[in-house]
Structure formats: structure tokens, C-alpha cells
């Protein structure tokens, strides 16, 4: 039996990212656990509206979304523990500019340079709708077809209700190949 638990957001865990943008000629970084896919070439990055990073994103129209793995986690967590309004976070990471001007985190195993195409506002939040301009991935994470192998990447996941970081798990099945198992289970 299920119990009604209110209007609880129950889509966790989500991939943990460090979002970067430029503010006054320097990079600023924010730890972001609210990202989503809204098309094959669009993502959404949702952040509390008061973040300093939001100002840079609005001013420049560009940002980077950098996937966090276990090696990057301690520094990424620090980026989320300090406010860009109170501390200069430009020196936290080594970085370089993408073609769109967004700062790309060199230590991130996968980074996407994005351009904001729209901003969707809800009470207290800004959700940036972004076109993916470029994606960069470490060679060691690519399969023979040149696609990211997420079993090798092992992105860190974020779970909001308990503020915990989780490891990704093992493969438990293949998409659109489970029908035979469900048919057998019904019999």
C-alpha cells in the first residue's frame, strides 16, 4: 500500500554537476543537482534565483555544465558550500574558455558548453533552457563508436532529501530488451 506524502519531488537522484559562467572577466562556479534533458540538443539547469552564478549566466548567455565524478567530488562540494557573493571562486579549478566564452572545468571528465535560449522562472528559481554547443569527454571514457561509456564515467548522483552523494550502479538491463522478461513474469 502506498501512502500519500504531499507534493514531494520524487525524481532523485540526479547527476551532480558544476556549472560555470563568467562574471566580470572571471569564472564563477556553482554546484548544481537540478539539471534535466528537454530534447536531444537542449538541457535545463535549474538554480535558486539568488545565486551569483545566475547573474553571470543572464549577463553572458553562456554556461558550462561539468559532470562530477568521484575524483572531482571534494572540490565540487566546496564550490557548493561557499557563496560567490561572499567568496571569489575563480581560483577553485583549472579551466579554459569554450568557443562560446563559457569556462570549461579541466578536471571534469565530461563538459558541455551551452548557450541559454530561454529562462523559465518559478517562485525562487530560475531554470535556464540551454542549447548544447559543444561537448568534451576524456578519451578514456569513450567506447569504440566515440560515445560516452557511463560505466567508465561513473557520474556522482545527488539526492536532495538527505543531501547525499551516491555512486552509480551496475547495468541491470538493456532499454527495449526487457519485454521477454516481463512477459515471462506475467505467466
Foldseek 3Di string as FASTA:
>chain_A
DDDDDDPDDDPDWAFWWWKWFDDPRFIAIAIFRDKADDDPFKIKGKDQPPAPRVVRCVVLQKMKTFFDAPVCVVLNVVSHVDGVVVDPCRPSADWDADPSGYTDGPPGQKMFIWGFPDWDDDVRMIMTMTGTDDMDHDPVQADPVRDGDCVVNFTWIADPVVRDIDTDDDDDDDPPPCVVVVVVVVD
